[in-house]
C-alpha cells in the first residue's frame, strides 16, 4: 500500500496521519506535506503512525530533517501510535531518545506540552 497522508490543522498544531508504507516512493509526499505545514507558521507536528505499516531509512531521514526544521522554529516533531514494525525501527535507530513518543494520538493531544497554545 503506497503512503497516504492526512493533514489535520488544530488550533495550535498539525497532525499528520500516515497510512501504508513510508519508503523512497512515499518520502517526497511526506517532505512536501511537512514543508506545507512549516510554511503555515506552525512549529509543532504530531505524526500519527497508527496505520503506518513500514518505514525505511529514507523515511527516517525525512523525520530527522523535519524535526531539525521544526526545532529551529521553536517547536518540535512528536510521534503517536507506533505500530510494532515502526516501534522496532525507532528503537533500533535510537528515536526513543530523540523524540517524544506517545502510545496514542489522543494521549499526545492530552499531554500538557502539546495541549498548550504558544
N, C-alpha and C. Protein backbone atom coordinates (compact mmCIF):
# COMPACT_ATOMS: atom_id res chain seq x y z
N UNK A 1 0.84 -1.18 0.00
CA UNK A 1 0.00 0.00 0.00
C UNK A 1 0.88 1.24 0.00
N UNK A 2 0.73 2.13 -0.98
CA UNK A 2 1.53 3.35 -1.01
C UNK A 2 1.16 4.26 0.16
N UNK A 3 2.02 5.21 0.44
CA UNK A 3 1.80 6.11 1.56
C UNK A 3 0.63 7.04 1.31
N UNK A 4 -0.25 7.11 2.29
CA UNK A 4 -1.34 8.09 2.29
C UNK A 4 -1.11 9.01 3.48
N UNK A 5 -1.32 10.30 3.28
CA UNK A 5 -1.09 11.29 4.32
C UNK A 5 -2.35 12.11 4.50
N UNK A 6 -2.82 12.18 5.72
CA UNK A 6 -3.95 13.04 6.06
C UNK A 6 -3.42 14.13 6.98
N UNK A 7 -3.65 15.38 6.61
CA UNK A 7 -3.16 16.51 7.40
C UNK A 7 -4.36 17.17 8.07
N UNK A 8 -4.25 17.33 9.38
CA UNK A 8 -5.32 17.98 10.14
C UNK A 8 -4.73 19.16 10.90
N UNK A 9 -5.31 20.33 10.71
CA UNK A 9 -4.88 21.53 11.41
C UNK A 9 -5.73 21.70 12.64
N UNK A 10 -5.10 21.69 13.80
CA UNK A 10 -5.78 22.01 15.04
C UNK A 10 -5.43 23.46 15.39
N UNK A 11 -6.00 23.98 16.44
CA UNK A 11 -5.77 25.39 16.75
C UNK A 11 -4.31 25.72 17.01
N UNK A 12 -3.53 24.77 17.51
CA UNK A 12 -2.18 25.06 17.96
C UNK A 12 -1.11 24.14 17.39
N UNK A 13 -1.50 23.23 16.52
CA UNK A 13 -0.52 22.32 15.92
C UNK A 13 -1.16 21.59 14.75
N UNK A 14 -0.34 20.82 14.05
CA UNK A 14 -0.82 19.97 12.95
C UNK A 14 -0.65 18.50 13.32
N UNK A 15 -1.55 17.68 12.83
CA UNK A 15 -1.43 16.23 12.96
C UNK A 15 -1.33 15.66 11.55
N UNK A 16 -0.27 14.89 11.32
CA UNK A 16 -0.12 14.18 10.06
C UNK A 16 -0.35 12.70 10.34
N UNK A 17 -1.41 12.15 9.80
CA UNK A 17 -1.71 10.73 9.97
C UNK A 17 -1.19 10.00 8.74
N UNK A 18 -0.31 9.03 8.98
CA UNK A 18 0.32 8.28 7.89
C UNK A 18 -0.28 6.89 7.80
N UNK A 19 -0.53 6.45 6.57
CA UNK A 19 -1.12 5.14 6.33
C UNK A 19 -0.34 4.45 5.22
N UNK A 20 0.04 3.19 5.45
CA UNK A 20 0.74 2.44 4.41
C UNK A 20 2.22 2.32 4.66
N UNK A 21 3.01 2.58 3.60
CA UNK A 21 4.46 2.40 3.65
C UNK A 21 5.17 3.72 3.41
N UNK A 22 6.10 4.04 4.30
CA UNK A 22 6.93 5.23 4.12
C UNK A 22 8.31 4.75 3.67
N UNK A 23 8.51 4.81 2.37
CA UNK A 23 9.78 4.38 1.77
C UNK A 23 10.18 5.43 0.75
N UNK A 24 11.10 5.09 -0.13
CA UNK A 24 11.59 6.08 -1.11
C UNK A 24 10.47 6.57 -2.03
N UNK A 25 9.45 5.78 -2.25
CA UNK A 25 8.34 6.21 -3.09
C UNK A 25 7.44 7.22 -2.38
N UNK A 26 7.28 7.06 -1.07
CA UNK A 26 6.38 7.94 -0.31
C UNK A 26 7.07 9.12 0.35
N UNK A 27 8.38 9.07 0.47
CA UNK A 27 9.11 10.13 1.18
C UNK A 27 8.90 11.52 0.57
N UNK A 28 8.90 11.68 -0.75
CA UNK A 28 8.68 13.03 -1.30
C UNK A 28 7.33 13.62 -0.90
N UNK A 29 6.30 12.80 -0.82
CA UNK A 29 4.98 13.30 -0.42
C UNK A 29 5.01 13.77 1.03
N UNK A 30 5.71 13.03 1.89
CA UNK A 30 5.82 13.44 3.29
C UNK A 30 6.63 14.73 3.40
N UNK A 31 7.72 14.82 2.66
CA UNK A 31 8.53 16.05 2.66
C UNK A 31 7.68 17.24 2.25
N UNK A 32 6.89 17.07 1.22
CA UNK A 32 6.03 18.14 0.73
C UNK A 32 4.99 18.55 1.78
N UNK A 33 4.38 17.55 2.43
CA UNK A 33 3.38 17.84 3.47
C UNK A 33 4.02 18.58 4.63
N UNK A 34 5.20 18.15 5.04
CA UNK A 34 5.90 18.82 6.15
C UNK A 34 6.24 20.26 5.77
N UNK A 35 6.72 20.45 4.55
CA UNK A 35 7.08 21.79 4.09
C UNK A 35 5.85 22.70 4.12
N UNK A 36 4.72 22.20 3.65
CA UNK A 36 3.48 22.97 3.65
C UNK A 36 3.09 23.37 5.07
N UNK A 37 3.21 22.43 6.01
CA UNK A 37 2.87 22.72 7.41
C UNK A 37 3.80 23.81 7.96
N UNK A 38 5.09 23.67 7.73
CA UNK A 38 6.06 24.65 8.25
C UNK A 38 5.76 26.03 7.66
N UNK A 39 5.38 26.08 6.41
CA UNK A 39 5.08 27.36 5.76
C UNK A 39 3.86 28.05 6.36
N UNK A 40 3.01 27.31 7.06
CA UNK A 40 1.85 27.93 7.72
C UNK A 40 2.26 28.68 8.97
N UNK A 41 3.48 28.42 9.44
CA UNK A 41 3.95 29.06 10.66
C UNK A 41 3.82 28.18 11.88
N UNK A 42 3.14 27.06 11.77
CA UNK A 42 3.06 26.14 12.90
C UNK A 42 4.41 25.46 13.06
N UNK A 43 4.81 25.29 14.32
CA UNK A 43 6.11 24.67 14.55
C UNK A 43 6.03 23.39 15.38
N UNK A 44 4.81 22.90 15.59
CA UNK A 44 4.64 21.63 16.30
C UNK A 44 3.79 20.70 15.46
N UNK A 45 4.31 19.49 15.27
CA UNK A 45 3.62 18.49 14.42
C UNK A 45 3.63 17.16 15.15
N UNK A 46 2.46 16.54 15.21
CA UNK A 46 2.35 15.16 15.69
C UNK A 46 2.20 14.27 14.48
N UNK A 47 3.02 13.24 14.40
CA UNK A 47 2.89 12.25 13.34
C UNK A 47 2.19 11.04 13.94
N UNK A 48 0.98 10.78 13.47
CA UNK A 48 0.21 9.63 13.94
C UNK A 48 0.58 8.43 13.08
N UNK A 49 1.21 7.45 13.70
CA UNK A 49 1.72 6.28 12.98
C UNK A 49 0.86 5.04 13.18
N UNK A 50 -0.37 5.21 13.66
CA UNK A 50 -1.22 4.07 13.99
C UNK A 50 -1.49 3.17 12.79
N UNK A 51 -1.44 3.72 11.58
CA UNK A 51 -1.69 2.92 10.39
C UNK A 51 -0.48 2.88 9.45
N UNK A 52 0.68 3.26 9.98
CA UNK A 52 1.92 3.19 9.21
C UNK A 52 2.48 1.78 9.38
N UNK A 53 2.57 1.03 8.30
CA UNK A 53 2.96 -0.37 8.36
C UNK A 53 4.45 -0.60 8.16
N UNK A 54 5.14 0.38 7.54
CA UNK A 54 6.55 0.18 7.22
C UNK A 54 7.22 1.54 7.13
N UNK A 55 8.44 1.64 7.62
CA UNK A 55 9.24 2.85 7.45
C UNK A 55 10.66 2.45 7.10
N UNK A 56 11.20 3.06 6.05
CA UNK A 56 12.57 2.76 5.61
C UNK A 56 13.51 3.84 6.12
N UNK A 57 14.79 3.66 5.83
CA UNK A 57 15.79 4.65 6.24
C UNK A 57 15.53 5.99 5.57
N UNK A 58 14.98 5.97 4.37
CA UNK A 58 14.65 7.22 3.68
C UNK A 58 13.56 7.96 4.46
N UNK A 59 12.57 7.23 4.92
CA UNK A 59 11.50 7.83 5.73
C UNK A 59 12.04 8.38 7.04
N UNK A 60 12.95 7.65 7.68
CA UNK A 60 13.56 8.14 8.91
C UNK A 60 14.31 9.45 8.65
N UNK A 61 14.96 9.53 7.49
CA UNK A 61 15.67 10.76 7.14
C UNK A 61 14.73 11.95 7.02
N UNK A 62 13.54 11.72 6.48
CA UNK A 62 12.55 12.80 6.38
C UNK A 62 12.15 13.25 7.78
N UNK A 63 11.95 12.30 8.68
CA UNK A 63 11.60 12.66 10.06
C UNK A 63 12.69 13.51 10.70
N UNK A 64 13.94 13.11 10.55
CA UNK A 64 15.06 13.84 11.16
C UNK A 64 15.16 15.25 10.58
N UNK A 65 15.09 15.37 9.27
CA UNK A 65 15.18 16.69 8.63
C UNK A 65 14.02 17.58 9.07
N UNK A 66 12.82 17.01 9.14
CA UNK A 66 11.65 17.78 9.56
C UNK A 66 11.79 18.23 11.01
N UNK A 67 12.30 17.34 11.86
CA UNK A 67 12.48 17.67 13.27
C UNK A 67 13.46 18.83 13.42
N UNK A 68 14.53 18.82 12.65
CA UNK A 68 15.51 19.91 12.72
C UNK A 68 14.87 21.24 12.34
N UNK A 69 14.09 21.24 11.28
CA UNK A 69 13.41 22.45 10.83
C UNK A 69 12.44 22.96 11.89
N UNK A 70 11.62 22.04 12.44
CA UNK A 70 10.63 22.44 13.44
C UNK A 70 11.29 22.91 14.74
N UNK A 71 12.35 22.25 15.15
CA UNK A 71 13.06 22.64 16.37
C UNK A 71 13.70 24.01 16.19
N UNK A 72 14.28 24.26 15.03
CA UNK A 72 14.89 25.56 14.76
C UNK A 72 13.84 26.68 14.81
N UNK A 73 12.59 26.33 14.53
CA UNK A 73 11.49 27.31 14.57
C UNK A 73 10.86 27.40 15.96
N UNK A 74 11.45 26.71 16.94
CA UNK A 74 10.96 26.78 18.31
C UNK A 74 9.92 25.75 18.67
N UNK A 75 9.72 24.76 17.82
CA UNK A 75 8.71 23.74 18.07
C UNK A 75 9.31 22.36 18.16
N UNK A 76 8.63 21.39 17.57
CA UNK A 76 9.14 20.04 17.61
C UNK A 76 8.28 19.08 16.82
N UNK A 77 8.82 17.88 16.66
CA UNK A 77 8.13 16.79 15.98
C UNK A 77 7.86 15.71 17.01
N UNK A 78 6.64 15.23 17.07
CA UNK A 78 6.20 14.25 18.06
C UNK A 78 5.56 13.08 17.32
N UNK A 79 5.59 11.93 17.95
CA UNK A 79 5.04 10.73 17.33
C UNK A 79 4.01 10.08 18.24
N UNK A 80 3.03 9.41 17.63
CA UNK A 80 1.99 8.73 18.40
C UNK A 80 1.57 7.45 17.66
N UNK A 81 1.15 6.46 18.45
CA UNK A 81 0.52 5.27 17.91
C UNK A 81 1.40 4.39 17.04
N UNK A 82 2.63 4.15 17.47
CA UNK A 82 3.53 3.36 16.65
C UNK A 82 3.06 1.92 16.50
N UNK A 83 3.07 1.43 15.27
CA UNK A 83 2.80 0.01 15.04
C UNK A 83 4.04 -0.78 15.47
N UNK A 84 3.91 -2.10 15.54
CA UNK A 84 5.02 -2.92 16.02
C UNK A 84 6.27 -2.74 15.15
N UNK A 85 6.11 -2.76 13.83
CA UNK A 85 7.27 -2.59 12.95
C UNK A 85 7.93 -1.23 13.16
N UNK A 86 7.13 -0.18 13.18
CA UNK A 86 7.68 1.16 13.32
C UNK A 86 8.35 1.31 14.69
N UNK A 87 7.73 0.76 15.72
CA UNK A 87 8.33 0.79 17.06
C UNK A 87 9.70 0.11 17.05
N UNK A 88 9.79 -1.04 16.42
CA UNK A 88 11.07 -1.77 16.35
C UNK A 88 12.14 -0.95 15.65
N UNK A 89 11.77 -0.32 14.55
CA UNK A 89 12.73 0.50 13.81
C UNK A 89 13.15 1.71 14.65
N UNK A 90 12.19 2.37 15.28
CA UNK A 90 12.51 3.53 16.12
C UNK A 90 13.45 3.13 17.26
N UNK A 91 13.20 1.97 17.87
CA UNK A 91 14.08 1.50 18.95
C UNK A 91 15.48 1.23 18.42
N UNK A 92 15.55 0.60 17.25
CA UNK A 92 16.84 0.23 16.67
C UNK A 92 17.70 1.46 16.35
N UNK A 93 17.09 2.53 15.88
CA UNK A 93 17.87 3.71 15.49
C UNK A 93 17.97 4.77 16.58
N UNK A 94 17.37 4.52 17.73
CA UNK A 94 17.51 5.44 18.86
C UNK A 94 16.54 6.61 18.88
N UNK A 95 15.44 6.52 18.16
CA UNK A 95 14.47 7.62 18.15
C UNK A 95 13.81 7.82 19.50
N UNK A 96 13.75 6.79 20.34
CA UNK A 96 13.11 6.95 21.65
C UNK A 96 13.90 7.91 22.53
N UNK A 97 15.17 8.08 22.25
CA UNK A 97 15.96 9.05 23.00
C UNK A 97 15.93 10.44 22.39
N UNK A 98 15.44 10.56 21.18
CA UNK A 98 15.44 11.84 20.48
C UNK A 98 14.08 12.54 20.45
N UNK A 99 13.01 11.75 20.43
CA UNK A 99 11.68 12.31 20.23
C UNK A 99 10.75 11.93 21.36
N UNK A 100 9.73 12.76 21.56
CA UNK A 100 8.65 12.38 22.46
C UNK A 100 7.70 11.49 21.67
N UNK A 101 7.43 10.32 22.23
CA UNK A 101 6.59 9.33 21.55
C UNK A 101 5.47 8.93 22.50
N UNK A 102 4.24 9.03 22.02
CA UNK A 102 3.06 8.76 22.83
C UNK A 102 2.39 7.48 22.36
N UNK A 103 1.78 6.74 23.28
CA UNK A 103 1.12 5.48 22.89
C UNK A 103 -0.01 5.67 21.88
N UNK A 104 -0.76 6.77 22.02
CA UNK A 104 -1.88 7.03 21.10
C UNK A 104 -1.90 8.51 20.74
N UNK A 105 -2.60 8.83 19.67
CA UNK A 105 -2.76 10.23 19.28
C UNK A 105 -3.49 11.00 20.37
N UNK A 106 -4.52 10.41 20.95
CA UNK A 106 -5.26 11.12 21.99
C UNK A 106 -4.37 11.45 23.19
N UNK A 107 -3.49 10.53 23.57
CA UNK A 107 -2.58 10.81 24.68
C UNK A 107 -1.61 11.93 24.33
N UNK A 108 -1.20 12.00 23.08
CA UNK A 108 -0.34 13.11 22.65
C UNK A 108 -1.11 14.43 22.75
N UNK A 109 -2.33 14.44 22.25
CA UNK A 109 -3.14 15.66 22.28
C UNK A 109 -3.46 16.10 23.70
N UNK A 110 -3.57 15.13 24.62
CA UNK A 110 -3.89 15.44 26.01
C UNK A 110 -2.66 15.80 26.85
N UNK A 111 -1.47 15.58 26.30
CA UNK A 111 -0.26 15.85 27.09
C UNK A 111 -0.13 17.35 27.36
N UNK A 112 0.35 17.72 28.53
CA UNK A 112 0.47 19.15 28.86
C UNK A 112 1.33 19.93 27.85
N UNK A 113 2.37 19.34 27.37
CA UNK A 113 3.25 20.03 26.43
C UNK A 113 2.57 20.34 25.12
N UNK A 114 1.75 19.45 24.64
CA UNK A 114 1.12 19.66 23.34
C UNK A 114 -0.26 20.30 23.44
N UNK A 115 -0.81 20.36 24.63
CA UNK A 115 -2.12 20.97 24.82
C UNK A 115 -2.03 22.48 24.78
N UNK A 116 -0.97 23.02 25.32
CA UNK A 116 -0.87 24.46 25.46
C UNK A 116 -0.70 25.14 24.10
N UNK A 117 -1.24 26.28 23.96
CA UNK A 117 -1.05 27.08 22.75
C UNK A 117 0.11 28.02 22.98
N UNK A 118 0.86 28.23 21.93
CA UNK A 118 2.00 29.15 22.04
C UNK A 118 1.81 30.31 21.11
